Amino acid sequence: MKTLYVVATPIGNLEDITLRALRILKDVDIIAAEDTRHTRKLLQHYGIGTQLTSYFEHNELKKARWLVEQLKQGKDIALVSDAGTPGISDPGYRLIKMALENSISVIPIPGPSAIISALSVAGLPTDSFCFEGFTPSKTGERIKFLSSLKGIKKTIVLHESPKRLLTTLTDIHTTLGDVDMVIAREITKLHEEIIRGKVSAVLNDLRKREIKGEVTILLNPRSLEAEKQEISLTDEIKKLQKELGLPIKEIAKIIAEQRGIPKREVYKEALKLKQS
C-alpha cells in the first residue's frame, strides 16, 4: 500500500511551486487533477510526463473508489486542484477521507493558497479568522448566509465570482454594515490587484469598471464596532441615508439589527431628523 500526496500548485504564477512538489509530481505513478487540461500546462512547463487522470466534483465518488484501489495496489498518487491547495473548497476532501478510511498514508505537500496569500497582505487582524467559502448565487440564500455571519468578531474570508461581486458587496453593506474590507483579485497573476477600504468606498470604485478574475473578499467586523463607539445614532442615520438612499424604515431596520437596539428607537430618531 502506497501514499496519497496532497500537492499544492500555483494559483497563477507558475514559479510559485516548491521543489518538493515538483519532485513528487515526477515520482508518483498517477496525478489526479481537477482539470487535466489545466494541470497539463503546469506539467509541460516543468517537463513532467506523469500519467494524468481527472478527479472533479461530478465524478468524485466513482473516481475516488478507483484511485483508492490503485493505492491499495501499491501506486503512489498525487492529488492536485486547478490552483492552490487541494481539499479547500473542492471535492478533494472526499478522496482524502476515503483514503484515510482505508488506512492509506496521506501526506501534505504545502504551497500556494489564495486564502493565506490574501490574508498576508490584507492589513486586517489575522490573530483569528474564518473561511466561509463561496457565497450562494441566489439572492435570498445569500442574504440568509450573510445574516448568519452577524456576531462573528474575527476576520471573515469569502470567495466570489466577478459576475456577482457588486451584488454581493451591496448585500454585505446592507446586512453586515460598512465594515473595513479587502478585495484580492488575480493574486500572483499579471493583473493582480488588492483593494482596501470601507465596503461603500470599494463599491463606488468597482462600479466604474469591469471586474475580471477570481475574487477573495476579506471583511473585518470589528472595524464597525470601533466605529459605532465613536459615531452617534443621528450621524449614523445621516450617513446611511446619504450612502444608500433607502426609505427611513429600511434605514431604521438596518441600524437596529447592527446595533442590537429596538427598531422603533431608530425610527423615532430618524423622524426627528426628517422633521428638522
Protein backbone atom coordinates (compact mmCIF):
# COMPACT_ATOMS: atom_id res chain seq x y z
CA MET A 1 0.00 0.00 0.00
CA LYS A 2 1.44 3.38 -1.03
CA THR A 3 0.82 7.09 -0.39
CA LEU A 4 -1.66 9.79 -1.40
CA TYR A 5 0.15 13.13 -1.66
CA VAL A 6 -1.97 16.30 -1.42
CA VAL A 7 0.04 18.70 -3.56
CA ALA A 8 -0.46 22.48 -3.63
CA THR A 9 0.09 24.04 -7.07
CA PRO A 10 0.37 27.68 -8.26
CA ILE A 11 -2.68 29.95 -8.07
CA GLY A 12 -1.40 31.96 -11.03
CA ASN A 13 2.34 32.41 -11.40
CA LEU A 14 3.89 29.07 -12.42
CA GLU A 15 7.05 29.91 -10.45
CA ASP A 16 5.09 29.57 -7.21
CA ILE A 17 5.68 25.84 -6.77
CA THR A 18 8.06 24.16 -4.35
CA LEU A 19 10.98 21.95 -5.33
CA ARG A 20 9.42 19.19 -3.24
CA ALA A 21 6.11 19.46 -5.12
CA LEU A 22 7.93 19.15 -8.47
CA ARG A 23 9.79 16.07 -7.25
CA ILE A 24 6.58 14.41 -6.01
CA LEU A 25 4.75 15.13 -9.27
CA LYS A 26 7.63 13.50 -11.19
CA ASP A 27 7.92 10.47 -8.90
CA VAL A 28 4.28 9.41 -8.36
CA ASP A 29 2.54 6.88 -10.60
CA ILE A 30 -0.64 8.91 -11.14
CA ILE A 31 -1.68 12.56 -10.79
CA ALA A 32 -5.40 13.05 -10.04
CA ALA A 33 -6.30 16.51 -11.34
CA GLU A 34 -9.42 18.67 -11.14
CA ASP A 35 -8.93 19.64 -14.80
CA THR A 36 -6.33 17.61 -16.71
CA ARG A 37 -6.04 20.31 -19.41
CA HIS A 38 -5.16 22.92 -16.82
CA THR A 39 -2.69 20.70 -14.95
CA ARG A 40 -1.07 19.52 -18.20
CA LYS A 41 0.10 23.10 -18.84
CA LEU A 42 1.93 23.09 -15.50
CA LEU A 43 3.45 19.66 -16.14
CA GLN A 44 4.59 20.59 -19.65
CA HIS A 45 6.16 23.80 -18.31
CA TYR A 46 8.35 21.69 -16.00
CA GLY A 47 8.83 18.74 -18.33
CA ILE A 48 6.86 16.25 -16.23
CA GLY A 49 5.29 13.29 -18.06
CA THR A 50 3.43 11.52 -15.22
CA GLN A 51 0.09 9.86 -16.06
CA LEU A 52 -2.87 12.19 -15.56
CA THR A 53 -6.44 11.28 -14.63
CA SER A 54 -9.43 13.51 -13.91
CA TYR A 55 -10.95 13.89 -10.46
CA PHE A 56 -13.61 16.58 -10.16
CA GLU A 57 -16.95 17.34 -8.50
CA HIS A 58 -19.17 15.28 -10.80
CA ASN A 59 -17.11 12.08 -10.83
CA GLU A 60 -15.54 12.21 -7.38
CA LEU A 61 -17.29 9.23 -5.77
CA LYS A 62 -16.74 6.78 -8.61
CA LYS A 63 -13.21 8.04 -9.28
CA ALA A 64 -12.26 8.11 -5.60
CA ARG A 65 -13.01 4.39 -5.34
CA TRP A 66 -10.82 3.69 -8.38
CA LEU A 67 -7.99 5.83 -7.03
CA VAL A 68 -8.11 4.08 -3.65
CA GLU A 69 -7.88 0.73 -5.45
CA GLN A 70 -4.78 1.97 -7.27
CA LEU A 71 -3.28 2.99 -3.93
CA LYS A 72 -4.05 -0.43 -2.47
CA GLN A 73 -2.20 -1.99 -5.41
CA GLY A 74 0.93 -0.12 -4.35
CA LYS A 75 0.81 3.00 -6.54
CA ASP A 76 1.68 6.50 -5.33
CA ILE A 77 -0.84 9.19 -6.28
CA ALA A 78 -0.66 13.00 -6.20
CA LEU A 79 -3.91 14.92 -5.79
CA VAL A 80 -3.91 18.44 -7.28
CA SER A 81 -6.58 21.09 -7.87
CA ASP A 82 -6.65 23.69 -10.63
CA ALA A 83 -4.98 26.17 -8.30
CA GLY A 84 -3.81 26.25 -4.71
CA THR A 85 -4.21 23.60 -2.03
CA PRO A 86 -6.50 20.60 -2.74
CA GLY A 87 -9.31 19.84 -0.31
CA ILE A 88 -10.12 23.51 0.34
CA SER A 89 -13.48 24.38 -1.27
CA ASP A 90 -13.15 21.48 -3.74
CA PRO A 91 -14.09 17.77 -3.78
CA GLY A 92 -10.58 16.64 -2.84
CA TYR A 93 -11.57 16.04 0.77
CA ARG A 94 -13.78 13.10 -0.28
CA LEU A 95 -10.81 11.22 -1.74
CA ILE A 96 -8.70 12.11 1.30
CA LYS A 97 -11.42 10.84 3.65
CA MET A 98 -11.80 7.58 1.70
CA ALA A 99 -8.03 7.04 1.68
CA LEU A 100 -7.85 7.52 5.44
CA GLU A 101 -10.75 5.13 5.96
CA ASN A 102 -8.71 2.54 4.07
CA SER A 103 -5.62 3.13 6.25
CA ILE A 104 -3.71 4.75 3.39
CA SER A 105 -0.99 7.26 4.26
CA VAL A 106 -1.94 10.84 3.30
CA ILE A 107 0.88 13.40 3.19
CA PRO A 108 0.54 17.18 2.59
CA ILE A 109 2.91 18.92 0.18
CA PRO A 110 2.24 22.54 1.21
CA GLY A 111 2.37 25.57 -1.05
CA PRO A 112 0.18 28.33 -2.50
CA SER A 113 -3.24 29.23 -1.06
CA ALA A 114 -5.39 32.14 -2.21
CA ILE A 115 -6.83 32.46 1.30
CA ILE A 116 -3.49 32.76 3.10
CA SER A 117 -1.98 34.91 0.33
CA ALA A 118 -4.84 37.41 0.61
CA LEU A 119 -4.71 37.45 4.41
CA SER A 120 -0.96 38.03 4.43
CA VAL A 121 -1.26 41.38 2.59
CA ALA A 122 -4.74 42.49 3.70
CA GLY A 123 -3.67 44.53 6.73
CA LEU A 124 -6.65 43.14 8.67
CA PRO A 125 -6.45 41.27 12.01
CA THR A 126 -5.11 37.75 11.49
CA ASP A 127 -4.92 36.57 15.11
CA SER A 128 -8.07 34.62 14.21
CA PHE A 129 -10.12 34.31 11.03
CA CYS A 130 -12.80 32.11 9.44
CA PHE A 131 -13.14 30.95 5.85
CA GLU A 132 -16.75 30.65 4.67
CA GLY A 133 -16.20 29.58 1.05
CA PHE A 134 -18.24 30.86 -1.90
CA THR A 135 -21.36 32.93 -1.22
CA PRO A 136 -24.67 31.46 -2.50
CA SER A 137 -25.63 32.54 -6.03
CA LYS A 138 -29.34 33.14 -5.26
CA THR A 139 -30.20 36.46 -3.60
CA GLY A 140 -32.41 35.09 -0.82
CA GLU A 141 -29.91 32.38 0.12
CA ARG A 142 -27.05 34.87 0.01
CA ILE A 143 -28.83 37.31 2.36
CA LYS A 144 -29.59 34.44 4.74
CA PHE A 145 -25.95 33.29 4.54
CA LEU A 146 -24.57 36.77 5.23
CA SER A 147 -27.03 37.26 8.10
CA SER A 148 -25.61 34.10 9.69
CA LEU A 149 -22.21 35.85 9.86
CA LYS A 150 -23.54 38.55 12.20
CA GLY A 151 -21.86 38.42 15.56
CA ILE A 152 -18.59 36.97 14.24
CA LYS A 153 -15.74 39.05 15.65
CA LYS A 154 -12.88 37.60 13.61
CA THR A 155 -11.79 38.42 10.06
CA ILE A 156 -14.11 36.72 7.54
CA VAL A 157 -12.76 35.33 4.24
CA LEU A 158 -15.06 34.61 1.27
CA HIS A 159 -14.68 33.64 -2.38
CA GLU A 160 -16.85 35.23 -5.05
CA SER A 161 -17.40 35.22 -8.80
CA PRO A 162 -16.54 38.52 -10.55
CA LYS A 163 -20.03 38.48 -12.13
CA ARG A 164 -21.73 38.63 -8.71
CA LEU A 165 -19.20 40.79 -6.89
CA LEU A 166 -21.12 44.10 -6.97
CA THR A 167 -24.37 42.44 -5.90
CA THR A 168 -22.64 40.61 -3.08
CA LEU A 169 -20.87 43.75 -1.84
CA THR A 170 -24.22 45.57 -1.81
CA ASP A 171 -25.72 42.74 0.23
CA ILE A 172 -22.73 42.79 2.60
CA HIS A 173 -23.19 46.54 3.12
CA THR A 174 -26.91 46.12 3.83
CA THR A 175 -26.52 43.04 6.03
CA LEU A 176 -23.21 43.50 7.87
CA GLY A 177 -22.67 47.24 7.61
CA ASP A 178 -19.94 49.46 6.20
CA VAL A 179 -17.06 47.37 7.54
CA ASP A 180 -13.40 47.59 6.59
CA MET A 181 -12.72 45.18 3.76
CA VAL A 182 -10.15 43.99 1.24
CA ILE A 183 -10.68 42.63 -2.27
CA ALA A 184 -7.83 40.44 -3.55
CA ARG A 185 -8.14 39.83 -7.29
CA GLU A 186 -5.96 37.80 -9.67
CA ILE A 187 -3.39 37.09 -6.93
CA THR A 188 0.13 36.34 -8.31
CA LYS A 189 -1.05 36.99 -11.89
CA LEU A 190 -0.19 39.82 -14.28
CA HIS A 191 -3.19 41.96 -13.29
CA GLU A 192 -3.00 41.30 -9.55
CA GLU A 193 -4.94 43.90 -7.54
CA ILE A 194 -5.53 44.48 -3.83
CA ILE A 195 -8.31 46.98 -2.98
CA ARG A 196 -8.73 48.19 0.59
CA GLY A 197 -11.38 50.39 2.22
CA LYS A 198 -14.91 50.55 3.56
CA VAL A 199 -17.49 48.46 1.68
CA SER A 200 -19.20 51.63 0.39
CA ALA A 201 -15.93 53.06 -0.96
CA VAL A 202 -14.93 49.79 -2.64
CA LEU A 203 -18.40 49.55 -4.21
CA ASN A 204 -18.13 53.06 -5.63
CA ASP A 205 -14.72 52.22 -7.09
CA LEU A 206 -15.73 48.92 -8.68
CA ARG A 207 -18.97 50.24 -10.20
CA LYS A 208 -16.86 52.35 -12.56
CA ARG A 209 -15.13 49.41 -14.26
CA GLU A 210 -15.32 45.80 -15.38
CA ILE A 211 -14.17 43.16 -12.90
CA LYS A 212 -12.38 40.03 -14.07
CA GLY A 213 -10.70 37.08 -12.38
CA GLU A 214 -11.45 35.09 -9.25
CA VAL A 215 -12.01 37.25 -6.18
CA THR A 216 -11.24 36.77 -2.49
CA ILE A 217 -13.18 39.01 -0.09
CA LEU A 218 -11.94 39.77 3.43
CA LEU A 219 -14.14 41.52 6.00
CA ASN A 220 -13.27 42.98 9.39
CA PRO A 221 -16.46 43.10 11.51
CA ARG A 222 -14.51 44.56 14.44
CA SER A 223 -13.96 47.79 12.48
CA LEU A 224 -17.69 48.51 12.60
CA GLU A 225 -17.81 48.03 16.37
CA ALA A 226 -15.00 50.53 16.83
CA GLU A 227 -16.75 53.00 14.54
CA LYS A 228 -20.08 52.61 16.32
CA GLN A 229 -18.47 53.53 19.60
CA GLU A 230 -17.49 56.86 18.04
CA ILE A 231 -20.47 57.71 15.82
CA SER A 232 -23.79 58.87 17.26
CA LEU A 233 -27.14 57.36 16.24
CA THR A 234 -28.11 60.59 14.47
CA ASP A 235 -24.87 60.70 12.50
CA GLU A 236 -25.20 57.06 11.52
CA ILE A 237 -28.73 57.63 10.20
CA LYS A 238 -27.48 60.58 8.12
CA LYS A 239 -24.53 58.53 6.88
CA LEU A 240 -26.65 55.60 5.69
CA GLN A 241 -29.26 57.86 4.10
CA LYS A 242 -26.51 59.50 2.07
CA GLU A 243 -24.79 56.24 1.13
CA LEU A 244 -27.81 54.01 0.43
CA GLY A 245 -30.69 56.38 -0.31
CA LEU A 246 -33.18 53.94 1.24
CA PRO A 247 -36.52 54.79 2.93
CA ILE A 248 -36.39 55.67 6.64
CA LYS A 249 -37.99 52.35 7.63
CA GLU A 250 -35.27 50.40 5.83
CA ILE A 251 -32.52 52.54 7.36
CA ALA A 252 -34.04 52.02 10.82
CA LYS A 253 -34.17 48.25 10.30
CA ILE A 254 -30.51 48.03 9.21
CA ILE A 255 -29.20 50.16 12.09
CA ALA A 256 -31.37 48.41 14.68
CA GLU A 257 -30.06 45.00 13.61
CA GLN A 258 -26.45 46.17 13.57
CA ARG A 259 -26.64 47.93 16.94
CA GLY A 260 -28.90 45.43 18.64
CA ILE A 261 -31.43 48.08 19.66
CA PRO A 262 -35.22 48.38 19.07
CA LYS A 263 -36.19 49.44 15.55
CA ARG A 264 -38.73 51.96 16.91
CA GLU A 265 -35.92 53.80 18.73
CA VAL A 266 -34.00 54.33 15.49
CA TYR A 267 -37.17 55.14 13.52
CA LYS A 268 -38.16 57.77 16.11
CA GLU A 269 -34.74 59.42 15.82
CA ALA A 270 -34.93 59.29 12.01
CA LEU A 271 -38.34 61.02 12.04
CA LYS A 272 -36.91 63.81 14.21
CA LEU A 273 -34.20 64.34 11.61
CA LYS A 274 -36.71 64.39 8.79
CA GLN A 275 -38.90 66.94 10.58
CA SER A 276 -35.94 69.19 11.36
